[in-house]
Amino acid sequence: MQKRGLGTNGPRVSAVGLGCMGMSGVYGSADDDESVATIHAALDAGVTVLDTGDFYGGATMSCWSAGR
């Protein structure tokens, strides 16, 4: 996975990120187990940027970012 600098003095992060809005149920029902599996696959592939937001699903997204 290619890495890029984040800003002028920021950390190096993956050039590709994973957008998590579709995992929140915003677009319809979401499968938590499939969402967690997708996040694990992205991490295994070297992705270090997970695009989330508190408005995506509150407690569910917090659970995932805590390491479920």
N, C-alpha and C. Protein backbone atom coordinates (compact mmCIF):
# COMPACT_ATOMS: atom_id res chain seq x y z
N MET A 1 0.85 -1.18 0.00
CA MET A 1 0.00 0.00 0.00
C MET A 1 0.89 1.24 0.00
N GLN A 2 0.67 2.12 -0.92
CA GLN A 2 1.41 3.37 -0.94
C GLN A 2 1.02 4.23 0.25
N LYS A 3 1.98 4.98 0.74
CA LYS A 3 1.76 5.90 1.85
C LYS A 3 1.98 7.33 1.37
N ARG A 4 1.28 8.25 2.01
CA ARG A 4 1.43 9.67 1.70
C ARG A 4 1.46 10.45 3.01
N GLY A 5 2.15 11.59 2.98
CA GLY A 5 2.18 12.45 4.14
C GLY A 5 0.84 13.17 4.29
N LEU A 6 0.35 13.25 5.51
CA LEU A 6 -0.89 13.95 5.79
C LEU A 6 -0.54 15.37 6.22
N GLY A 7 -0.76 16.33 5.35
CA GLY A 7 -0.38 17.71 5.65
C GLY A 7 1.12 17.89 5.57
N THR A 8 1.59 18.99 6.13
CA THR A 8 3.01 19.32 6.07
C THR A 8 3.84 18.49 7.03
N ASN A 9 3.37 18.34 8.25
CA ASN A 9 4.14 17.63 9.28
C ASN A 9 3.40 16.45 9.87
N GLY A 10 2.32 16.05 9.23
CA GLY A 10 1.49 14.98 9.78
C GLY A 10 2.06 13.60 9.54
N PRO A 11 1.36 12.60 10.01
CA PRO A 11 1.82 11.21 9.85
C PRO A 11 1.69 10.74 8.41
N ARG A 12 2.36 9.65 8.10
CA ARG A 12 2.20 9.01 6.79
C ARG A 12 1.02 8.05 6.89
N VAL A 13 0.11 8.15 5.94
CA VAL A 13 -1.10 7.34 5.95
C VAL A 13 -1.24 6.65 4.59
N SER A 14 -2.11 5.66 4.53
CA SER A 14 -2.33 4.95 3.27
C SER A 14 -2.91 5.91 2.23
N ALA A 15 -2.52 5.70 0.97
CA ALA A 15 -3.01 6.53 -0.12
C ALA A 15 -4.49 6.24 -0.40
N VAL A 16 -4.96 5.09 0.03
CA VAL A 16 -6.35 4.69 -0.15
C VAL A 16 -7.00 4.60 1.23
N GLY A 17 -8.21 5.11 1.34
CA GLY A 17 -8.95 5.02 2.59
C GLY A 17 -10.23 4.22 2.38
N LEU A 18 -10.87 3.87 3.48
CA LEU A 18 -12.13 3.14 3.42
C LEU A 18 -13.25 4.05 3.92
N GLY A 19 -14.22 4.33 3.07
CA GLY A 19 -15.40 5.11 3.46
C GLY A 19 -16.39 4.20 4.16
N CYS A 20 -16.82 4.58 5.35
CA CYS A 20 -17.65 3.71 6.17
C CYS A 20 -19.12 4.12 6.25
N MET A 21 -19.53 5.14 5.51
CA MET A 21 -20.91 5.60 5.61
C MET A 21 -21.91 4.52 5.22
N GLY A 22 -21.58 3.72 4.21
CA GLY A 22 -22.47 2.65 3.79
C GLY A 22 -22.66 1.57 4.84
N MET A 23 -21.78 1.52 5.82
CA MET A 23 -21.87 0.53 6.89
C MET A 23 -22.77 0.99 8.02
N SER A 24 -23.26 2.21 7.93
CA SER A 24 -23.99 2.80 9.04
C SER A 24 -25.49 2.62 8.98
N GLY A 25 -26.00 2.19 7.85
CA GLY A 25 -27.43 2.07 7.69
C GLY A 25 -28.05 3.31 7.06
N VAL A 26 -27.25 4.29 6.72
CA VAL A 26 -27.75 5.52 6.10
C VAL A 26 -28.43 5.20 4.77
N TYR A 27 -27.89 4.24 4.03
CA TYR A 27 -28.43 3.89 2.71
C TYR A 27 -29.38 2.70 2.76
N GLY A 28 -29.73 2.24 3.92
CA GLY A 28 -30.57 1.05 4.09
C GLY A 28 -29.96 0.18 5.17
N SER A 29 -30.49 -1.01 5.31
CA SER A 29 -30.00 -1.88 6.39
C SER A 29 -28.52 -2.23 6.15
N ALA A 30 -27.81 -2.34 7.25
CA ALA A 30 -26.38 -2.66 7.21
C ALA A 30 -26.15 -3.96 7.98
N ASP A 31 -25.21 -4.75 7.52
CA ASP A 31 -24.86 -6.01 8.15
C ASP A 31 -23.60 -5.78 8.98
N ASP A 32 -23.75 -5.78 10.29
CA ASP A 32 -22.62 -5.48 11.18
C ASP A 32 -21.45 -6.45 10.98
N ASP A 33 -21.74 -7.74 10.87
CA ASP A 33 -20.66 -8.71 10.71
C ASP A 33 -19.90 -8.48 9.40
N GLU A 34 -20.63 -8.18 8.33
CA GLU A 34 -19.98 -7.91 7.04
C GLU A 34 -19.18 -6.61 7.10
N SER A 35 -19.70 -5.63 7.81
CA SER A 35 -18.99 -4.36 7.95
C SER A 35 -17.69 -4.54 8.70
N VAL A 36 -17.72 -5.29 9.78
CA VAL A 36 -16.51 -5.56 10.56
C VAL A 36 -15.51 -6.34 9.71
N ALA A 37 -15.99 -7.33 8.96
CA ALA A 37 -15.10 -8.11 8.09
C ALA A 37 -14.45 -7.21 7.03
N THR A 38 -15.21 -6.26 6.50
CA THR A 38 -14.67 -5.33 5.50
C THR A 38 -13.58 -4.46 6.11
N ILE A 39 -13.81 -3.98 7.32
CA ILE A 39 -12.81 -3.15 8.00
C ILE A 39 -11.53 -3.98 8.25
N HIS A 40 -11.69 -5.20 8.70
CA HIS A 40 -10.52 -6.06 8.94
C HIS A 40 -9.76 -6.31 7.63
N ALA A 41 -10.48 -6.54 6.53
CA ALA A 41 -9.82 -6.76 5.24
C ALA A 41 -9.05 -5.52 4.82
N ALA A 42 -9.63 -4.35 5.03
CA ALA A 42 -8.94 -3.10 4.68
C ALA A 42 -7.68 -2.93 5.52
N LEU A 43 -7.77 -3.18 6.80
CA LEU A 43 -6.60 -3.08 7.67
C LEU A 43 -5.52 -4.08 7.26
N ASP A 44 -5.93 -5.29 6.93
CA ASP A 44 -4.98 -6.32 6.48
C ASP A 44 -4.29 -5.90 5.19
N ALA A 45 -4.99 -5.11 4.35
CA ALA A 45 -4.43 -4.65 3.09
C ALA A 45 -3.54 -3.42 3.26
N GLY A 46 -3.46 -2.90 4.48
CA GLY A 46 -2.60 -1.75 4.74
C GLY A 46 -3.31 -0.42 4.79
N VAL A 47 -4.64 -0.42 4.72
CA VAL A 47 -5.39 0.83 4.82
C VAL A 47 -5.29 1.36 6.25
N THR A 48 -4.94 2.62 6.38
CA THR A 48 -4.83 3.24 7.71
C THR A 48 -5.80 4.39 7.89
N VAL A 49 -6.60 4.69 6.86
CA VAL A 49 -7.58 5.79 6.95
C VAL A 49 -8.98 5.20 6.84
N LEU A 50 -9.76 5.32 7.91
CA LEU A 50 -11.16 4.92 7.91
C LEU A 50 -11.98 6.19 8.02
N ASP A 51 -12.75 6.49 6.98
CA ASP A 51 -13.54 7.71 6.94
C ASP A 51 -14.87 7.45 7.65
N THR A 52 -14.98 7.97 8.86
CA THR A 52 -16.20 7.80 9.65
C THR A 52 -16.68 9.17 10.11
N GLY A 53 -17.84 9.20 10.70
CA GLY A 53 -18.36 10.43 11.27
C GLY A 53 -19.36 10.08 12.36
N ASP A 54 -19.48 10.90 13.36
CA ASP A 54 -20.40 10.59 14.46
C ASP A 54 -21.85 10.56 13.98
N PHE A 55 -22.14 11.22 12.88
CA PHE A 55 -23.50 11.22 12.34
C PHE A 55 -23.78 9.96 11.51
N TYR A 56 -22.79 9.08 11.32
CA TYR A 56 -22.98 7.85 10.56
C TYR A 56 -23.75 6.80 11.34
N GLY A 57 -23.69 6.82 12.63
CA GLY A 57 -24.37 5.76 13.36
C GLY A 57 -24.06 5.73 14.83
N GLY A 58 -23.48 6.77 15.35
CA GLY A 58 -23.26 6.90 16.79
C GLY A 58 -22.55 5.72 17.41
N ALA A 59 -23.24 5.00 18.26
CA ALA A 59 -22.63 3.94 19.06
C ALA A 59 -22.05 2.82 18.20
N THR A 60 -22.70 2.51 17.08
CA THR A 60 -22.19 1.42 16.22
C THR A 60 -20.80 1.75 15.72
N MET A 61 -20.62 2.94 15.19
CA MET A 61 -19.31 3.32 14.67
C MET A 61 -18.29 3.39 15.79
N SER A 62 -18.69 3.81 16.97
CA SER A 62 -17.78 3.85 18.11
C SER A 62 -17.33 2.44 18.48
N CYS A 63 -18.23 1.49 18.42
CA CYS A 63 -17.90 0.10 18.72
C CYS A 63 -16.86 -0.41 17.75
N TRP A 64 -17.02 -0.13 16.46
CA TRP A 64 -16.06 -0.59 15.46
C TRP A 64 -14.71 0.05 15.68
N SER A 65 -14.69 1.35 15.94
CA SER A 65 -13.40 2.02 16.09
C SER A 65 -12.72 1.61 17.39
N ALA A 66 -13.45 1.04 18.31
CA ALA A 66 -12.86 0.56 19.57
C ALA A 66 -12.25 -0.83 19.40
N GLY A 67 -12.41 -1.42 18.23
CA GLY A 67 -11.72 -2.67 17.97
C GLY A 67 -12.55 -3.92 17.86
N ARG A 68 -13.85 -3.78 17.67
CA ARG A 68 -14.67 -4.97 17.52
C ARG A 68 -14.14 -5.73 16.36
